[in-house]
C-alpha cells in the first residue's frame, strides 16, 4: 500500500519511502495532482499541466537502479518530491503571470527555465504547476481581482495571506510537499503563520534571480513553504549550503517585549510564550530587548520598495489594481535626493539589526499579529498592521524560519548567511516536538 502525501507530510519521510521502493514517483505525482485546486476558490494554481508533471515522474521512475547518496538510492535530494513553483519564476513552455492577466498575456510561454526551476529539476523535484500570488507579489493578503482571492483549502472562510498565496494552498491541500515562495516584506512568513505551515525565508544573498520577476531587488528573497520543520535543511540546500559544519548551534535569543505586541491577538501572544518555552527546553537563553527604534522601519521600507517596483512596471501601472497602481505612482514620484536619504537610513537600520543579531544570535517574534484573515472582509488596513512585524527583518535581509502553531506562527531570525545554523536549530525543534508527541506543524 502506497503512502499519500497527506499521510506522510514530511519531505524526508517521503524521500525515504521513495528510496526504499515503498512509494513510486508516479504514484506520488498522481496523488498530488488529485488534490490540486481543491480549495473552494479553485485557484491554487494559475498554470498546471498534469501530463507535464506525470511525464517527469515517469522519467524519474524509469531511471536504472543505483546506490549511494544520502538516501542510499543514488538519486538527488528531492528525487520524486512534488514541488510547486510560484508564478513569478519562469518555467519553459508556461506563461509567467506575476499574478496578473496583463503579464500572462504579454509574456506568453517562457522559452527557458529560471535558475530556480533548473535547480529544482536538477535536484530531482517533480513540478506540479505555477501557483497563485497577490498581483506583482505586491501584497500580503492573497487577494487578486484577476484570478480570484486565494482561500485556504482547510478553511474556506480564511484567506491564505500573500503574496505566496497559492504556494501555501498547495502545501495545505497536499498537491505539493513543498512550495517555492518569495518574501520581500513578509510573503513567506505571513502565509506560513496564517496557514499553519513552516516557512523558510533565505538570506538576501542566497539564490539567483535569473528568469524571475523582481518586485524590489534590494529586499527580494527566495524560500519554501512546507509542513515539517525537520525538512528545512534539505529544502534550503537548493539556495546554498545548509551544513552547519563544526559551528555550535545558537545558545541565546532575543525576544520582543510585551509593549511591541500591543496589537497582537491574545492567541498569537500565547503562542509566542509557548515558542519561547520550547527554545528554552533546547537550552537557549532568552533576553527581552528594547525595539523602540523599529518604529520607523515602514517609513524606510515602503518608499524604497515602491520606487524599485515602479521601475520594473513603468508604463503599465493602469493594468493593475488601484491600490497597487497608487503605490507604483508614489514610488515613481520620489526624487533622487529622497531615495538617497532613505538609503542612508536603511544602511543605519541594517547596521543596528546586525549588531542586535551579533549580540543575541537569534530573534523571536510573531510572523503576524493575527491568526486569520477573514475572506471577504475589508483588509485595506491589514497590510500596515502585518508589515510592522516583518519589515525590520526585510530591511536587514536576514533569514527567518516560521514555526507553526495552532494559532499563528513565530518567526525565528538569524544573521545574514547564518542560514545553516538557523535551519539546523529549527530542525532540532521539530525533532523535539516529534519526540514529545507534538506535531511539527499546526493542529489542523
Foldseek 3Di string as FASTA:
>chain_A
DADECVRVLFLVVVVLCCQVVSHALLNHLVRLLVLQLLAPLSALFPDFDSVLLNVLRVVLRPDDFDADDPNGGPAALNASFEEEEALQWADAPAFRAQQAPVRSVVRPHDHHGFPLVVLCVNRNYRYGHHGHFDRNQPFWFQAHPHSGRQAARVDRQFGLTARNRSQLNSQRSRSGQKYKHKCQLQHFQRSCFQNFWKWKWAFLPWDDQGRGRDQASLQITIIMTHHFLLCLQSRCCSGPHLALPPDDFFAEEEEEDPVVLPVFDPVLVVVLVVVVVLSVVVRHYYDYDDDPVLPCLCVLRQLSSLLRNLVSQPPPLVSGDPVNSVSNVSNVPDDPVNNVVSVVVLVVLLVVVQVNCVVGFKYKDFQARFNGDGPPDDCPPVRVRNSSNGRSCSSNSWMWMWQGEQRTTMIMTGHHPSNSSRSVVSSVSSVVCVVVVHHSTYDD
